[in-house]
Amino acid sequence: MDLQNLAYALTQVIHNFGAVAVVGGAATALWLTPRQPVLERSLAWLVALAWAAQIISGVSLGAISYYYYGRFPDISGIATAALAIKITSAVIGFFLAALYLSRAARWPDTTCRRIWQVLTGLGVIALTAAAFLRWFS
């Protein structure tokens, strides 16, 4: 068995499920009418943990490459920009979800809805950037 490919594949599985949860969790919260704070809090936990999984698995993919090749992968300018967009989206998404968890109980409905819109948008942006990262590497 090729341990390098197994490590990449298992890490990619975590990365893919994280991407689904980031977009799906935030989009689900947008569809809740009327607002359901208890469910939204659970979705905020899901989204925060999914962004954390995105960050950790993304770092792990780079670490696997470094471990097996002694360097990070060479990627094009477009792929580098896409990676920067993914990283930025993940960091902002994680902190927004954490902010939601700590303060949403005191926010008006419009602010909560706006946060879910931004979280959904960040997930879509990260997924779109992932396609450019993959195909322009």
C-alpha atoms as a PDB file:
ATOM      1  CA  MET A   1       0.000   0.000   0.000  1.00  0.00           C
ATOM      2  CA  ASP A   2       1.246   3.477  -0.899  1.00  0.00           C
ATOM      3  CA  LEU A   3       1.156   5.382   2.403  1.00  0.00           C
ATOM      4  CA  GLN A   4       1.633   8.745   0.707  1.00  0.00           C
ATOM      5  CA  ASN A   5      -1.464   8.341  -1.459  1.00  0.00           C
ATOM      6  CA  LEU A   6      -3.426   6.964   1.497  1.00  0.00           C
ATOM      7  CA  ALA A   7      -2.460  10.009   3.576  1.00  0.00           C
ATOM      8  CA  TYR A   8      -3.486  12.365   0.746  1.00  0.00           C
ATOM      9  CA  ALA A   9      -6.780  10.525   0.170  1.00  0.00           C
ATOM     10  CA  LEU A  10      -7.820  10.411   3.832  1.00  0.00           C
ATOM     11  CA  THR A  11      -6.922  14.052   4.325  1.00  0.00           C
ATOM     12  CA  GLN A  12      -8.826  14.976   1.170  1.00  0.00           C
ATOM     13  CA  VAL A  13     -11.907  13.148   2.487  1.00  0.00           C
ATOM     14  CA  ILE A  14     -11.843  15.327   5.613  1.00  0.00           C
ATOM     15  CA  HIS A  15     -11.282  18.407   3.449  1.00  0.00           C
ATOM     16  CA  ASN A  16     -14.224  17.526   1.179  1.00  0.00           C
ATOM     17  CA  PHE A  17     -16.651  16.836   4.030  1.00  0.00           C
ATOM     18  CA  GLY A  18     -15.533  20.080   5.654  1.00  0.00           C
ATOM     19  CA  ALA A  19     -16.369  21.947   2.449  1.00  0.00           C
ATOM     20  CA  VAL A  20     -19.841  20.386   2.339  1.00  0.00           C
ATOM     21  CA  ALA A  21     -20.501  21.327   5.968  1.00  0.00           C
ATOM     22  CA  VAL A  22     -19.228  24.884   5.522  1.00  0.00           C
ATOM     23  CA  VAL A  23     -21.615  25.632   2.664  1.00  0.00           C
ATOM     24  CA  GLY A  24     -24.459  23.344   3.686  1.00  0.00           C
ATOM     25  CA  GLY A  25     -24.564  24.449   7.309  1.00  0.00           C
ATOM     26  CA  ALA A  26     -24.604  28.144   6.461  1.00  0.00           C
ATOM     27  CA  ALA A  27     -27.110  27.742   3.613  1.00  0.00           C
ATOM     28  CA  THR A  28     -29.411  25.716   5.859  1.00  0.00           C
ATOM     29  CA  ALA A  29     -29.393  28.505   8.450  1.00  0.00           C
ATOM     30  CA  LEU A  30     -30.416  30.978   5.732  1.00  0.00           C
ATOM     31  CA  TRP A  31     -33.493  28.898   4.903  1.00  0.00           C
ATOM     32  CA  LEU A  32     -34.806  28.809   8.452  1.00  0.00           C
ATOM     33  CA  THR A  33     -37.972  30.870   8.653  1.00  0.00           C
ATOM     34  CA  PRO A  34     -38.845  31.916  11.233  1.00  0.00           C
ATOM     35  CA  ARG A  35     -35.455  31.995  12.918  1.00  0.00           C
ATOM     36  CA  GLN A  36     -34.694  29.050  15.172  1.00  0.00           C
ATOM     37  CA  PRO A  37     -31.880  30.171  17.505  1.00  0.00           C
ATOM     38  CA  VAL A  38     -31.245  26.724  19.020  1.00  0.00           C
ATOM     39  CA  LEU A  39     -30.852  25.102  15.592  1.00  0.00           C
ATOM     40  CA  GLU A  40     -28.825  28.072  14.330  1.00  0.00           C
ATOM     41  CA  ARG A  41     -26.436  27.673  17.257  1.00  0.00           C
ATOM     42  CA  SER A  42     -25.942  24.001  16.332  1.00  0.00           C
ATOM     43  CA  LEU A  43     -25.344  25.003  12.725  1.00  0.00           C
ATOM     44  CA  ALA A  44     -22.856  27.652  13.852  1.00  0.00           C
ATOM     45  CA  TRP A  45     -20.939  24.941  15.730  1.00  0.00           C
ATOM     46  CA  LEU A  46     -21.013  22.762  12.621  1.00  0.00           C
ATOM     47  CA  VAL A  47     -19.757  25.597  10.421  1.00  0.00           C
ATOM     48  CA  ALA A  48     -17.032  26.636  12.888  1.00  0.00           C
ATOM     49  CA  LEU A  49     -15.789  23.051  13.213  1.00  0.00           C
ATOM     50  CA  ALA A  50     -15.984  22.583   9.436  1.00  0.00           C
ATOM     51  CA  TRP A  51     -13.864  25.695   8.845  1.00  0.00           C
ATOM     52  CA  ALA A  52     -11.397  24.374  11.419  1.00  0.00           C
ATOM     53  CA  ALA A  53     -11.330  21.062   9.542  1.00  0.00           C
ATOM     54  CA  GLN A  54     -10.687  22.974   6.308  1.00  0.00           C
ATOM     55  CA  ILE A  55      -7.752  24.802   7.858  1.00  0.00           C
ATOM     56  CA  ILE A  56      -6.233  21.734   9.514  1.00  0.00           C
ATOM     57  CA  SER A  57      -6.698  19.442   6.514  1.00  0.00           C
ATOM     58  CA  GLY A  58      -5.365  22.102   4.135  1.00  0.00           C
ATOM     59  CA  VAL A  59      -2.241  22.514   6.250  1.00  0.00           C
ATOM     60  CA  SER A  60      -1.982  18.722   6.433  1.00  0.00           C
ATOM     61  CA  LEU A  61      -2.045  18.389   2.641  1.00  0.00           C
ATOM     62  CA  GLY A  62       0.900  20.768   2.425  1.00  0.00           C
ATOM     63  CA  ALA A  63       2.680  18.956   5.254  1.00  0.00           C
ATOM     64  CA  ILE A  64       2.273  15.602   3.512  1.00  0.00           C
ATOM     65  CA  SER A  65       3.868  17.025   0.374  1.00  0.00           C
ATOM     66  CA  TYR A  66       6.690  18.519   2.406  1.00  0.00           C
ATOM     67  CA  TYR A  67       7.257  15.263   4.273  1.00  0.00           C
ATOM     68  CA  TYR A  68       7.469  13.123   1.134  1.00  0.00           C
ATOM     69  CA  TYR A  69       9.238  15.587  -1.204  1.00  0.00           C
ATOM     70  CA  GLY A  70      11.122  17.889   1.144  1.00  0.00           C
ATOM     71  CA  ARG A  71       9.324  20.920  -0.292  1.00  0.00           C
ATOM     72  CA  PHE A  72       5.878  22.312  -0.886  1.00  0.00           C
ATOM     73  CA  PRO A  73       4.295  21.763  -4.296  1.00  0.00           C
ATOM     74  CA  ASP A  74       5.165  24.188  -7.075  1.00  0.00           C
ATOM     75  CA  ILE A  75       1.973  25.913  -8.095  1.00  0.00           C
ATOM     76  CA  SER A  76       1.205  28.577 -10.684  1.00  0.00           C
ATOM     77  CA  GLY A  77       0.332  32.187  -9.984  1.00  0.00           C
ATOM     78  CA  ILE A  78      -3.378  31.489 -10.456  1.00  0.00           C
ATOM     79  CA  ALA A  79      -3.207  28.543  -8.061  1.00  0.00           C
ATOM     80  CA  THR A  80      -1.291  30.651  -5.529  1.00  0.00           C
ATOM     81  CA  ALA A  81      -3.980  33.331  -5.694  1.00  0.00           C
ATOM     82  CA  ALA A  82      -6.671  30.662  -5.306  1.00  0.00           C
ATOM     83  CA  LEU A  83      -4.871  29.242  -2.280  1.00  0.00           C
ATOM     84  CA  ALA A  84      -4.661  32.719  -0.726  1.00  0.00           C
ATOM     85  CA  ILE A  85      -8.397  33.173  -1.318  1.00  0.00           C
ATOM     86  CA  LYS A  86      -9.146  29.795   0.291  1.00  0.00           C
ATOM     87  CA  ILE A  87      -6.979  30.566   3.322  1.00  0.00           C
ATOM     88  CA  THR A  88      -8.512  34.020   3.750  1.00  0.00           C
ATOM     89  CA  SER A  89     -12.048  32.621   3.425  1.00  0.00           C
ATOM     90  CA  ALA A  90     -11.321  29.883   5.968  1.00  0.00           C
ATOM     91  CA  VAL A  91      -9.843  32.221   8.557  1.00  0.00           C
ATOM     92  CA  ILE A  92     -12.640  34.788   8.208  1.00  0.00           C
ATOM     93  CA  GLY A  93     -15.273  32.039   8.151  1.00  0.00           C
ATOM     94  CA  PHE A  94     -13.945  30.408  11.298  1.00  0.00           C
ATOM     95  CA  PHE A  95     -13.811  33.689  13.193  1.00  0.00           C
ATOM     96  CA  LEU A  96     -17.282  34.772  12.019  1.00  0.00           C
ATOM     97  CA  ALA A  97     -18.768  31.450  13.117  1.00  0.00           C
ATOM     98  CA  ALA A  98     -16.994  31.785  16.483  1.00  0.00           C
ATOM     99  CA  LEU A  99     -18.234  35.369  16.805  1.00  0.00           C
ATOM    100  CA  TYR A 100     -21.747  34.168  16.039  1.00  0.00           C
ATOM    101  CA  LEU A 101     -21.477  31.546  18.772  1.00  0.00           C
ATOM    102  CA  SER A 102     -20.334  34.065  21.329  1.00  0.00           C
ATOM    103  CA  ARG A 103     -22.625  37.000  20.508  1.00  0.00           C
ATOM    104  CA  ALA A 104     -25.603  36.075  18.322  1.00  0.00           C
ATOM    105  CA  ALA A 105     -27.972  35.812  21.283  1.00  0.00           C
ATOM    106  CA  ARG A 106     -27.710  39.610  21.653  1.00  0.00           C
ATOM    107  CA  TRP A 107     -27.948  40.447  17.936  1.00  0.00           C
ATOM    108  CA  PRO A 108     -31.039  41.482  16.013  1.00  0.00           C
ATOM    109  CA  ASP A 109     -32.392  39.043  13.422  1.00  0.00           C
ATOM    110  CA  THR A 110     -31.041  41.149  10.544  1.00  0.00           C
ATOM    111  CA  THR A 111     -27.477  40.898  11.849  1.00  0.00           C
ATOM    112  CA  CYS A 112     -27.764  37.132  12.296  1.00  0.00           C
ATOM    113  CA  ARG A 113     -29.106  36.763   8.770  1.00  0.00           C
ATOM    114  CA  ARG A 114     -26.285  38.914   7.381  1.00  0.00           C
ATOM    115  CA  ILE A 115     -23.676  36.738   9.121  1.00  0.00           C
ATOM    116  CA  TRP A 116     -25.218  33.601   7.606  1.00  0.00           C
ATOM    117  CA  GLN A 117     -25.184  35.256   4.184  1.00  0.00           C
ATOM    118  CA  VAL A 118     -21.496  36.109   4.555  1.00  0.00           C
ATOM    119  CA  LEU A 119     -20.678  32.598   5.824  1.00  0.00           C
ATOM    120  CA  THR A 120     -22.507  31.058   2.847  1.00  0.00           C
ATOM    121  CA  GLY A 121     -20.682  33.393   0.470  1.00  0.00           C
ATOM    122  CA  LEU A 122     -17.302  32.577   2.002  1.00  0.00           C
ATOM    123  CA  GLY A 123     -18.006  28.868   1.561  1.00  0.00           C
ATOM    124  CA  VAL A 124     -18.954  29.347  -2.089  1.00  0.00           C
ATOM    125  CA  ILE A 125     -15.868  31.481  -2.692  1.00  0.00           C
ATOM    126  CA  ALA A 126     -13.608  28.868  -1.065  1.00  0.00           C
ATOM    127  CA  LEU A 127     -15.139  26.055  -3.135  1.00  0.00           C
ATOM    128  CA  THR A 128     -14.732  28.063  -6.318  1.00  0.00           C
ATOM    129  CA  ALA A 129     -11.122  28.854  -5.458  1.00  0.00           C
ATOM    130  CA  ALA A 130     -10.540  25.136  -4.828  1.00  0.00           C
ATOM    131  CA  ALA A 131     -11.387  24.381  -8.450  1.00  0.00           C
ATOM    132  CA  PHE A 132      -8.837  26.939  -9.659  1.00  0.00           C
ATOM    133  CA  LEU A 133      -6.255  25.633  -7.194  1.00  0.00           C
ATOM    134  CA  ARG A 134      -6.787  22.088  -8.454  1.00  0.00           C
ATOM    135  CA  TRP A 135      -6.746  22.773 -12.182  1.00  0.00           C
ATOM    136  CA  PHE A 136      -4.179  25.589 -12.369  1.00  0.00           C
ATOM    137  CA  SER A 137      -1.555  23.975 -10.093  1.00  0.00           C
END
